[in-house]
PDB file of N, CA and C in Angstrom:
ATOM      1  N   MET A   1     -18.642   3.645  -7.119  1.00  0.00           N
ATOM      2  CA  MET A   1     -18.402   4.794  -6.292  1.00  0.00           C
ATOM      3  C   MET A   1     -17.322   4.495  -5.243  1.00  0.00           C
ATOM      4  N   ILE A   2     -17.375   3.321  -4.644  1.00  0.00           N
ATOM      5  CA  ILE A   2     -16.375   2.946  -3.639  1.00  0.00           C
ATOM      6  C   ILE A   2     -14.997   2.841  -4.282  1.00  0.00           C
ATOM      7  N   TYR A   3     -14.932   2.249  -5.484  1.00  0.00           N
ATOM      8  CA  TYR A   3     -13.650   2.132  -6.191  1.00  0.00           C
ATOM      9  C   TYR A   3     -13.056   3.516  -6.440  1.00  0.00           C
ATOM     10  N   ARG A   4     -13.877   4.457  -6.903  1.00  0.00           N
ATOM     11  CA  ARG A   4     -13.384   5.811  -7.193  1.00  0.00           C
ATOM     12  C   ARG A   4     -12.883   6.501  -5.927  1.00  0.00           C
ATOM     13  N   ALA A   5     -13.582   6.323  -4.828  1.00  0.00           N
ATOM     14  CA  ALA A   5     -13.156   6.920  -3.561  1.00  0.00           C
ATOM     15  C   ALA A   5     -11.831   6.314  -3.109  1.00  0.00           C
ATOM     16  N   HIS A   6     -11.701   5.001  -3.237  1.00  0.00           N
ATOM     17  CA  HIS A   6     -10.468   4.310  -2.852  1.00  0.00           C
ATOM     18  C   HIS A   6      -9.309   4.762  -3.740  1.00  0.00           C
ATOM     19  N   HIS A   7      -9.568   4.855  -5.037  1.00  0.00           N
ATOM     20  CA  HIS A   7      -8.541   5.301  -5.982  1.00  0.00           C
ATOM     21  C   HIS A   7      -8.103   6.731  -5.650  1.00  0.00           C
ATOM     22  N   SER A   8      -9.045   7.593  -5.343  1.00  0.00           N
ATOM     23  CA  SER A   8      -8.743   8.969  -4.973  1.00  0.00           C
ATOM     24  C   SER A   8      -7.897   9.019  -3.704  1.00  0.00           C
ATOM     25  N   PHE A   9      -8.223   8.181  -2.747  1.00  0.00           N
ATOM     26  CA  PHE A   9      -7.465   8.111  -1.504  1.00  0.00           C
ATOM     27  C   PHE A   9      -6.012   7.743  -1.784  1.00  0.00           C
ATOM     28  N   HIS A  10      -5.794   6.736  -2.630  1.00  0.00           N
ATOM     29  CA  HIS A  10      -4.428   6.321  -2.968  1.00  0.00           C
ATOM     30  C   HIS A  10      -3.688   7.426  -3.711  1.00  0.00           C
ATOM     31  N   ARG A  11      -4.370   8.123  -4.589  1.00  0.00           N
ATOM     32  CA  ARG A  11      -3.753   9.241  -5.311  1.00  0.00           C
ATOM     33  C   ARG A  11      -3.321  10.324  -4.328  1.00  0.00           C
ATOM     34  N   GLN A  12      -4.163  10.619  -3.341  1.00  0.00           N
ATOM     35  CA  GLN A  12      -3.828  11.634  -2.341  1.00  0.00           C
ATOM     36  C   GLN A  12      -2.623  11.216  -1.511  1.00  0.00           C
ATOM     37  N   ILE A  13      -2.580   9.945  -1.132  1.00  0.00           N
ATOM     38  CA  ILE A  13      -1.433   9.439  -0.366  1.00  0.00           C
ATOM     39  C   ILE A  13      -0.155   9.601  -1.177  1.00  0.00           C
ATOM     40  N   THR A  14      -0.200   9.195  -2.435  1.00  0.00           N
ATOM     41  CA  THR A  14       0.975   9.277  -3.297  1.00  0.00           C
ATOM     42  C   THR A  14       1.411  10.724  -3.490  1.00  0.00           C
ATOM     43  N   ASP A  15       0.466  11.581  -3.777  1.00  0.00           N
ATOM     44  CA  ASP A  15       0.789  12.999  -3.979  1.00  0.00           C
ATOM     45  C   ASP A  15       1.426  13.600  -2.734  1.00  0.00           C
ATOM     46  N   ARG A  16       0.848  13.312  -1.577  1.00  0.00           N
ATOM     47  CA  ARG A  16       1.384  13.861  -0.331  1.00  0.00           C
ATOM     48  C   ARG A  16       2.764  13.289  -0.037  1.00  0.00           C
ATOM     49  N   PHE A  17       2.958  12.008  -0.306  1.00  0.00           N
ATOM     50  CA  PHE A  17       4.240  11.347  -0.058  1.00  0.00           C
ATOM     51  C   PHE A  17       5.346  11.972  -0.899  1.00  0.00           C
ATOM     52  N   LEU A  18       5.026  12.324  -2.151  1.00  0.00           N
ATOM     53  CA  LEU A  18       6.040  12.827  -3.081  1.00  0.00           C
ATOM     54  C   LEU A  18       6.171  14.350  -3.068  1.00  0.00           C
ATOM     55  N   THR A  19       5.337  15.038  -2.316  1.00  0.00           N
ATOM     56  CA  THR A  19       5.369  16.492  -2.278  1.00  0.00           C
ATOM     57  C   THR A  19       6.749  16.997  -1.854  1.00  0.00           C
ATOM     58  N   GLY A  20       7.274  17.921  -2.644  1.00  0.00           N
ATOM     59  CA  GLY A  20       8.549  18.549  -2.308  1.00  0.00           C
ATOM     60  C   GLY A  20       9.778  17.770  -2.742  1.00  0.00           C
ATOM     61  N   MET A  21       9.584  16.604  -3.353  1.00  0.00           N
ATOM     62  CA  MET A  21      10.733  15.811  -3.788  1.00  0.00           C
ATOM     63  C   MET A  21      11.144  16.192  -5.200  1.00  0.00           C
ATOM     64  N   ALA A  22      12.436  16.166  -5.429  1.00  0.00           N
ATOM     65  CA  ALA A  22      12.964  16.388  -6.765  1.00  0.00           C
ATOM     66  C   ALA A  22      12.692  15.149  -7.608  1.00  0.00           C
ATOM     67  N   LEU A  23      12.672  15.335  -8.912  1.00  0.00           N
ATOM     68  CA  LEU A  23      12.421  14.223  -9.822  1.00  0.00           C
ATOM     69  C   LEU A  23      13.418  13.087  -9.607  1.00  0.00           C
ATOM     70  N   ALA A  24      14.666  13.424  -9.329  1.00  0.00           N
ATOM     71  CA  ALA A  24      15.682  12.388  -9.079  1.00  0.00           C
ATOM     72  C   ALA A  24      15.317  11.560  -7.849  1.00  0.00           C
ATOM     73  N   GLN A  25      14.766  12.205  -6.830  1.00  0.00           N
ATOM     74  CA  GLN A  25      14.360  11.476  -5.631  1.00  0.00           C
ATOM     75  C   GLN A  25      13.180  10.556  -5.930  1.00  0.00           C
ATOM     76  N   VAL A  26      12.245  11.039  -6.714  1.00  0.00           N
ATOM     77  CA  VAL A  26      11.090  10.223  -7.097  1.00  0.00           C
ATOM     78  C   VAL A  26      11.559   9.016  -7.903  1.00  0.00           C
ATOM     79  N   ASP A  27      12.525   9.213  -8.785  1.00  0.00           N
ATOM     80  CA  ASP A  27      13.077   8.105  -9.574  1.00  0.00           C
ATOM     81  C   ASP A  27      13.710   7.047  -8.674  1.00  0.00           C
ATOM     82  N   ILE A  28      14.414   7.489  -7.638  1.00  0.00           N
ATOM     83  CA  ILE A  28      15.044   6.554  -6.700  1.00  0.00           C
ATOM     84  C   ILE A  28      13.973   5.754  -5.957  1.00  0.00           C
ATOM     85  N   ILE A  29      12.936   6.421  -5.512  1.00  0.00           N
ATOM     86  CA  ILE A  29      11.848   5.734  -4.807  1.00  0.00           C
ATOM     87  C   ILE A  29      11.185   4.729  -5.738  1.00  0.00           C
ATOM     88  N   GLU A  30      10.911   5.150  -6.972  1.00  0.00           N
ATOM     89  CA  GLU A  30      10.282   4.241  -7.936  1.00  0.00           C
ATOM     90  C   GLU A  30      11.162   3.017  -8.186  1.00  0.00           C
ATOM     91  N   HIS A  31      12.447   3.238  -8.371  1.00  0.00           N
ATOM     92  CA  HIS A  31      13.371   2.127  -8.610  1.00  0.00           C
ATOM     93  C   HIS A  31      13.407   1.187  -7.394  1.00  0.00           C
ATOM     94  N   SER A  32      13.446   1.769  -6.201  1.00  0.00           N
ATOM     95  CA  SER A  32      13.474   0.962  -4.983  1.00  0.00           C
ATOM     96  C   SER A  32      12.211   0.122  -4.831  1.00  0.00           C
ATOM     97  N   LEU A  33      11.061   0.706  -5.138  1.00  0.00           N
ATOM     98  CA  LEU A  33       9.801  -0.036  -5.038  1.00  0.00           C
ATOM     99  C   LEU A  33       9.725  -1.148  -6.077  1.00  0.00           C
ATOM    100  N   LEU A  34      10.251  -0.902  -7.265  1.00  0.00           N
ATOM    101  CA  LEU A  34      10.289  -1.961  -8.278  1.00  0.00           C
ATOM    102  C   LEU A  34      11.205  -3.105  -7.837  1.00  0.00           C
ATOM    103  N   ASN A  35      12.342  -2.765  -7.212  1.00  0.00           N
ATOM    104  CA  ASN A  35      13.224  -3.806  -6.670  1.00  0.00           C
ATOM    105  C   ASN A  35      12.506  -4.618  -5.597  1.00  0.00           C
ATOM    106  N   LEU A  36      11.791  -3.941  -4.724  1.00  0.00           N
ATOM    107  CA  LEU A  36      11.045  -4.625  -3.666  1.00  0.00           C
ATOM    108  C   LEU A  36       9.962  -5.524  -4.262  1.00  0.00           C
ATOM    109  N   GLN A  37       9.257  -5.020  -5.269  1.00  0.00           N
ATOM    110  CA  GLN A  37       8.224  -5.816  -5.919  1.00  0.00           C
ATOM    111  C   GLN A  37       8.810  -7.087  -6.524  1.00  0.00           C
ATOM    112  N   THR A  38       9.941  -6.954  -7.205  1.00  0.00           N
ATOM    113  CA  THR A  38      10.601  -8.118  -7.800  1.00  0.00           C
ATOM    114  C   THR A  38      10.999  -9.119  -6.728  1.00  0.00           C
ATOM    115  N   PHE A  39      11.583  -8.629  -5.644  1.00  0.00           N
ATOM    116  CA  PHE A  39      11.978  -9.505  -4.551  1.00  0.00           C
ATOM    117  C   PHE A  39      10.775 -10.263  -3.985  1.00  0.00           C
ATOM    118  N   LEU A  40       9.683  -9.543  -3.752  1.00  0.00           N
ATOM    119  CA  LEU A  40       8.495 -10.182  -3.182  1.00  0.00           C
ATOM    120  C   LEU A  40       7.875 -11.195  -4.139  1.00  0.00           C
ATOM    121  N   GLN A  41       7.913 -10.912  -5.434  1.00  0.00           N
ATOM    122  CA  GLN A  41       7.396 -11.875  -6.414  1.00  0.00           C
ATOM    123  C   GLN A  41       8.228 -13.141  -6.417  1.00  0.00           C
ATOM    124  N   ILE A  42       9.545 -12.992  -6.371  1.00  0.00           N
ATOM    125  CA  ILE A  42      10.433 -14.159  -6.345  1.00  0.00           C
ATOM    126  C   ILE A  42      10.224 -14.943  -5.058  1.00  0.00           C
ATOM    127  N   ALA A  43      10.129 -14.239  -3.931  1.00  0.00           N
ATOM    128  CA  ALA A  43       9.907 -14.913  -2.645  1.00  0.00           C
ATOM    129  C   ALA A  43       8.585 -15.659  -2.655  1.00  0.00           C
ATOM    130  N   ASP A  44       7.556 -15.062  -3.248  1.00  0.00           N
ATOM    131  CA  ASP A  44       6.247 -15.705  -3.329  1.00  0.00           C
ATOM    132  C   ASP A  44       6.325 -16.959  -4.194  1.00  0.00           C
ATOM    133  N   GLU A  45       7.018 -16.876  -5.310  1.00  0.00           N
ATOM    134  CA  GLU A  45       7.155 -18.035  -6.198  1.00  0.00           C
ATOM    135  C   GLU A  45       7.916 -19.159  -5.502  1.00  0.00           C
ATOM    136  N   LYS A  46       8.953 -18.818  -4.771  1.00  0.00           N
ATOM    137  CA  LYS A  46       9.709 -19.829  -4.027  1.00  0.00           C
ATOM    138  C   LYS A  46       8.838 -20.440  -2.942  1.00  0.00           C
ATOM    139  N   GLY A  47       8.037 -19.627  -2.288  1.00  0.00           N
ATOM    140  CA  GLY A  47       7.130 -20.123  -1.258  1.00  0.00           C
ATOM    141  C   GLY A  47       6.104 -21.063  -1.842  1.00  0.00           C
ATOM    142  N   ASP A  48       5.584 -20.737  -3.038  1.00  0.00           N
ATOM    143  CA  ASP A  48       4.612 -21.606  -3.708  1.00  0.00           C
ATOM    144  C   ASP A  48       5.233 -22.937  -4.057  1.00  0.00           C
ATOM    145  N   SER A  49       6.489 -22.913  -4.487  1.00  0.00           N
ATOM    146  CA  SER A  49       7.123 -24.170  -4.891  1.00  0.00           C
ATOM    147  C   SER A  49       7.454 -25.033  -3.676  1.00  0.00           C
ATOM    148  N   ASN A  50       7.652 -24.410  -2.513  1.00  0.00           N
ATOM    149  CA  ASN A  50       7.970 -25.168  -1.293  1.00  0.00           C
ATOM    150  C   ASN A  50       6.724 -25.784  -0.674  1.00  0.00           C
ATOM    151  N   GLU A  51       5.536 -25.293  -1.047  1.00  0.00           N
ATOM    152  CA  GLU A  51       4.314 -25.825  -0.469  1.00  0.00           C
ATOM    153  C   GLU A  51       4.058 -27.265  -0.917  1.00  0.00           C
ATOM    154  N   ASN A  52       4.597 -27.661  -2.053  1.00  0.00           N
ATOM    155  CA  ASN A  52       4.367 -29.003  -2.575  1.00  0.00           C
ATOM    156  C   ASN A  52       5.354 -30.020  -2.019  1.00  0.00           C
ATOM    157  N   ASP A  53       6.346 -29.578  -1.242  1.00  0.00           N
ATOM    158  CA  ASP A  53       7.354 -30.493  -0.696  1.00  0.00           C
ATOM    159  C   ASP A  53       6.852 -31.229   0.516  1.00  0.00           C
TER     160      ASP A  53
END
């Protein structure tokens, strides 16, 4: 039940965030978030490798 409520909350946030945006704008946001995710994954991997030094 808690998982479903949390999932619903995230869906509402996303829906409200994207309300009124054109599909092209949503595509730009999605692309930007994927770029950020990639950057953070690389930074995390570099941080993990530096912990052993």
